[in-house]
Protein backbone atom coordinates (compact mmCIF):
# COMPACT_ATOMS: atom_id res chain seq x y z
CA MET A 1 -54.21 -39.91 -15.03
CA SER A 2 -52.06 -42.69 -13.70
CA ALA A 3 -49.30 -42.49 -11.12
CA GLU A 4 -46.74 -43.11 -13.87
CA GLU A 5 -47.96 -40.14 -15.92
CA THR A 6 -47.96 -37.88 -12.83
CA HIS A 7 -44.39 -38.94 -12.06
CA HIS A 8 -43.38 -38.29 -15.70
CA ASP A 9 -45.00 -34.78 -15.67
CA SER A 10 -43.32 -33.81 -12.38
CA ALA A 11 -39.97 -35.03 -13.73
CA GLU A 12 -40.42 -32.79 -16.80
CA VAL A 13 -41.29 -29.80 -14.60
CA ALA A 14 -38.27 -30.45 -12.38
CA ALA A 15 -36.00 -30.73 -15.44
CA ARG A 16 -37.32 -27.44 -16.84
CA VAL A 17 -36.80 -25.67 -13.50
CA GLU A 18 -33.26 -27.08 -13.22
CA ARG A 19 -32.42 -25.88 -16.77
CA ARG A 20 -33.72 -22.39 -15.94
CA TRP A 21 -31.65 -22.17 -12.75
CA ALA A 22 -28.58 -23.53 -14.54
CA THR A 23 -29.06 -20.93 -17.27
CA ILE A 24 -29.43 -18.14 -14.71
CA ALA A 25 -26.27 -19.31 -12.90
CA VAL A 26 -24.28 -19.39 -16.16
CA ILE A 27 -25.52 -15.90 -17.10
CA ILE A 28 -24.49 -14.55 -13.67
CA ILE A 29 -21.03 -16.13 -13.95
CA VAL A 30 -20.52 -14.77 -17.47
CA MET A 31 -21.67 -11.28 -16.40
CA MET A 32 -19.30 -11.31 -13.41
CA ALA A 33 -16.40 -12.43 -15.61
CA LEU A 34 -17.15 -9.67 -18.13
CA LEU A 35 -17.40 -7.09 -15.35
CA ALA A 36 -14.06 -8.21 -13.85
CA ALA A 37 -12.41 -8.13 -17.28
CA PHE A 38 -13.78 -4.65 -18.02
CA ALA A 39 -12.67 -3.31 -14.63
CA GLY A 40 -9.20 -4.82 -15.02
CA ILE A 41 -8.70 -3.55 -18.55
CA HIS A 42 -10.10 -0.11 -17.69
CA ARG A 43 -7.76 0.23 -14.68
CA ALA A 44 -4.76 -1.01 -16.64
CA THR A 45 -5.34 1.45 -19.47
CA MET A 46 -6.09 4.50 -17.34
CA PRO A 47 -3.08 6.48 -16.15
CA GLN A 48 -2.65 7.33 -12.50
CA PRO A 49 -4.26 10.67 -11.66
CA ARG A 50 -0.89 12.14 -10.70
CA VAL A 51 2.58 10.81 -11.44
CA GLU A 52 5.57 12.45 -9.81
CA ILE A 53 9.06 11.80 -11.06
CA THR A 54 12.52 12.40 -9.66
CA ASP A 55 16.08 11.78 -10.84
CA PRO A 56 17.36 8.74 -8.89
CA SER A 57 20.99 9.63 -9.64
CA ARG A 58 20.60 12.98 -7.82
CA LEU A 59 18.39 12.01 -4.86
CA HIS A 60 21.00 12.74 -2.20
CA LEU A 61 22.24 15.92 -3.89
CA SER A 62 19.18 18.07 -4.41
CA GLY A 63 15.41 18.15 -4.26
CA GLU A 64 12.87 16.65 -1.92
CA PHE A 65 14.91 13.59 -0.94
CA VAL A 66 18.19 15.16 0.23
CA GLU A 67 19.39 13.56 3.44
CA SER A 68 18.46 16.56 5.62
CA ASN A 69 14.86 16.29 4.38
CA LEU A 70 14.35 12.58 5.19
CA GLY A 71 12.29 11.41 8.16
CA SER A 72 9.12 12.75 9.79
CA VAL A 73 8.01 16.35 9.96
CA LEU A 74 4.93 17.92 11.52
CA GLU A 75 3.21 20.11 8.95
CA ALA A 76 1.42 23.39 9.80
CA ASN A 77 -1.99 21.72 9.37
CA GLY A 78 -1.19 19.03 11.99
CA ASN A 79 -0.57 16.25 9.49
CA VAL A 80 2.75 14.45 9.33
CA THR A 81 4.83 13.88 6.20
CA VAL A 82 7.46 11.16 6.10
CA ARG A 83 10.08 11.07 3.37
CA ALA A 84 12.20 7.96 2.83
CA ILE A 85 14.48 6.32 0.28
CA GLY A 86 14.88 2.62 -0.42
CA GLN A 87 18.30 1.57 -1.67
CA GLN A 88 20.25 -1.65 -1.72
CA TYR A 89 20.11 -2.84 1.11
CA SER A 90 18.54 -0.35 3.50
CA PHE A 91 15.88 2.24 4.04
CA THR A 92 16.90 5.80 4.82
CA PRO A 93 15.95 6.59 7.51
CA ALA A 94 16.07 3.05 8.92
CA CYS A 95 13.70 4.03 11.73
CA ILE A 96 10.75 6.35 11.23
CA VAL A 97 8.97 8.06 14.14
CA VAL A 98 5.29 8.95 13.69
CA PRO A 99 2.45 9.91 16.04
CA ALA A 100 -0.62 7.78 16.73
CA ASP A 101 -4.06 8.96 15.58
CA THR A 102 -2.70 11.42 13.04
CA PRO A 103 -2.98 11.53 9.23
CA ILE A 104 0.44 10.61 7.81
CA THR A 105 1.66 10.88 4.23
CA LEU A 106 4.54 8.60 3.32
CA ARG A 107 6.49 9.87 0.31
CA ALA A 108 9.22 7.51 -0.81
CA THR A 109 11.32 6.55 -3.81
CA SER A 110 14.15 4.24 -4.76
CA ALA A 111 17.72 5.17 -5.56
CA ASP A 112 18.61 2.04 -7.54
CA VAL A 113 16.20 -0.88 -8.15
CA VAL A 114 12.57 -1.67 -7.38
CA HIS A 115 11.95 -1.99 -3.63
CA GLY A 116 8.79 -2.26 -1.59
CA ILE A 117 7.69 -0.91 1.76
CA LEU A 118 5.41 -3.15 3.76
CA ILE A 119 4.55 -2.09 7.29
CA GLN A 120 3.60 -5.30 9.06
CA GLY A 121 0.28 -5.37 10.88
CA THR A 122 -1.13 -2.58 8.69
CA ASN A 123 -2.45 -2.13 5.16
CA VAL A 124 0.55 0.01 4.15
CA ASN A 125 2.19 -1.52 1.10
CA ALA A 126 3.97 0.62 -1.50
CA MET A 127 6.27 -0.15 -4.40
CA LEU A 128 9.31 2.09 -4.76
CA VAL A 129 10.38 2.45 -8.39
CA PRO A 130 13.52 4.39 -9.34
CA GLY A 131 12.56 7.74 -10.85
CA TYR A 132 9.03 7.76 -9.42
CA ILE A 133 7.69 9.03 -6.10
CA SER A 134 5.28 6.74 -4.26
CA GLU A 135 2.77 8.35 -1.95
CA GLN A 136 0.86 6.36 0.66
CA LEU A 137 -1.61 7.73 3.20
CA MET A 138 -1.64 6.02 6.57
CA ARG A 139 -2.78 6.36 10.15
CA PHE A 140 -1.80 4.29 13.20
CA ALA A 141 -4.41 3.69 15.90
CA LYS A 142 -2.02 2.54 18.61
CA THR A 143 1.54 3.14 19.68
CA GLY A 144 4.27 0.55 19.27
CA ASP A 145 7.00 -0.66 16.95
CA TYR A 146 6.16 -1.99 13.49
CA LEU A 147 8.60 -3.88 11.29
CA MET A 148 9.08 -2.55 7.77
CA PRO A 149 10.71 -5.11 5.46
CA CYS A 150 11.38 -4.68 1.77
CA GLN A 151 8.78 -6.91 0.12
CA GLU A 152 10.18 -6.75 -3.44
CA PHE A 153 13.20 -8.94 -4.14
CA CYS A 154 15.98 -6.45 -4.85
CA SER A 155 19.11 -8.66 -5.00
CA PHE A 156 21.30 -10.80 -2.79
CA GLY A 157 21.11 -8.58 0.31
CA HIS A 158 17.31 -8.34 0.17
CA GLU A 159 16.67 -10.51 3.23
CA GLY A 160 18.55 -8.02 5.42
CA MET A 161 16.64 -4.97 4.20
CA TRP A 162 14.48 -4.04 7.18
CA GLY A 163 13.34 -0.82 8.72
CA LYS A 164 11.18 0.10 11.68
CA VAL A 165 8.26 2.43 12.26
CA LYS A 166 8.02 3.68 15.84
CA VAL A 167 4.56 5.01 16.64
CA ILE A 168 4.56 7.27 19.70
CA ASP A 169 1.91 9.26 21.54
CA LYS A 170 0.63 12.30 19.64
CA THR A 171 1.56 14.70 22.46
CA GLU A 172 5.09 13.31 22.74
CA PHE A 173 5.53 13.67 18.99
CA ALA A 174 4.33 17.30 19.08
CA ASP A 175 6.77 18.06 21.92
CA ARG A 176 9.68 16.55 20.00
CA ALA A 177 8.65 18.37 16.80
CA LYS A 178 8.72 21.81 18.48
CA GLY A 179 12.45 22.03 17.87
CA GLY A 180 11.86 21.84 14.13
CA GLY A 181 13.71 19.64 11.72
CA ARG A 182 13.19 16.00 10.92
CA LEU A 183 12.39 13.43 13.55
CA GLY A 184 13.93 9.98 13.68
CA CYS A 185 14.60 7.35 16.29
CA VAL A 186 18.38 7.27 16.08
CA GLY A 187 19.87 7.13 19.54
CA GLN A 188 16.66 6.00 21.26
């Protein structure tokens, strides 16, 4: 067997190995694309497990989102529930007080058009659609002030639609909640 034949045989082996690896790579890519398509279609066609609706024309008049019910409240189980409304061009309440290291449920809706709540520096990001109640679970590890802009373009005043989340010490929050009612940061 000459050197030329040996070189030719090794070139054939290398070509076969390359074709096999290329085939395996294509199969993996096709399988991943099919898996992504299936997951996307499945999620898009499955309804949410629970959809809550409300009448946006009556938010301030009756039900869960009347003005006296907005803000933070300490529940009997130690969790905190925050209720808020997005409307052109503000959040009500504009400043939300919550405790650190506590499970918090944000329940919010929109009175007019689609808005979004994004609490900067966190993974909290919810879309507020008129007629539907958005629920977002959250927890803050440290105290401080967090900006809360509307992240869905809602019209000409959108750029001025900001709120604030004030995270305070858990003990301080419990002391302030003893009086009952909704907590906010107005006048602080």
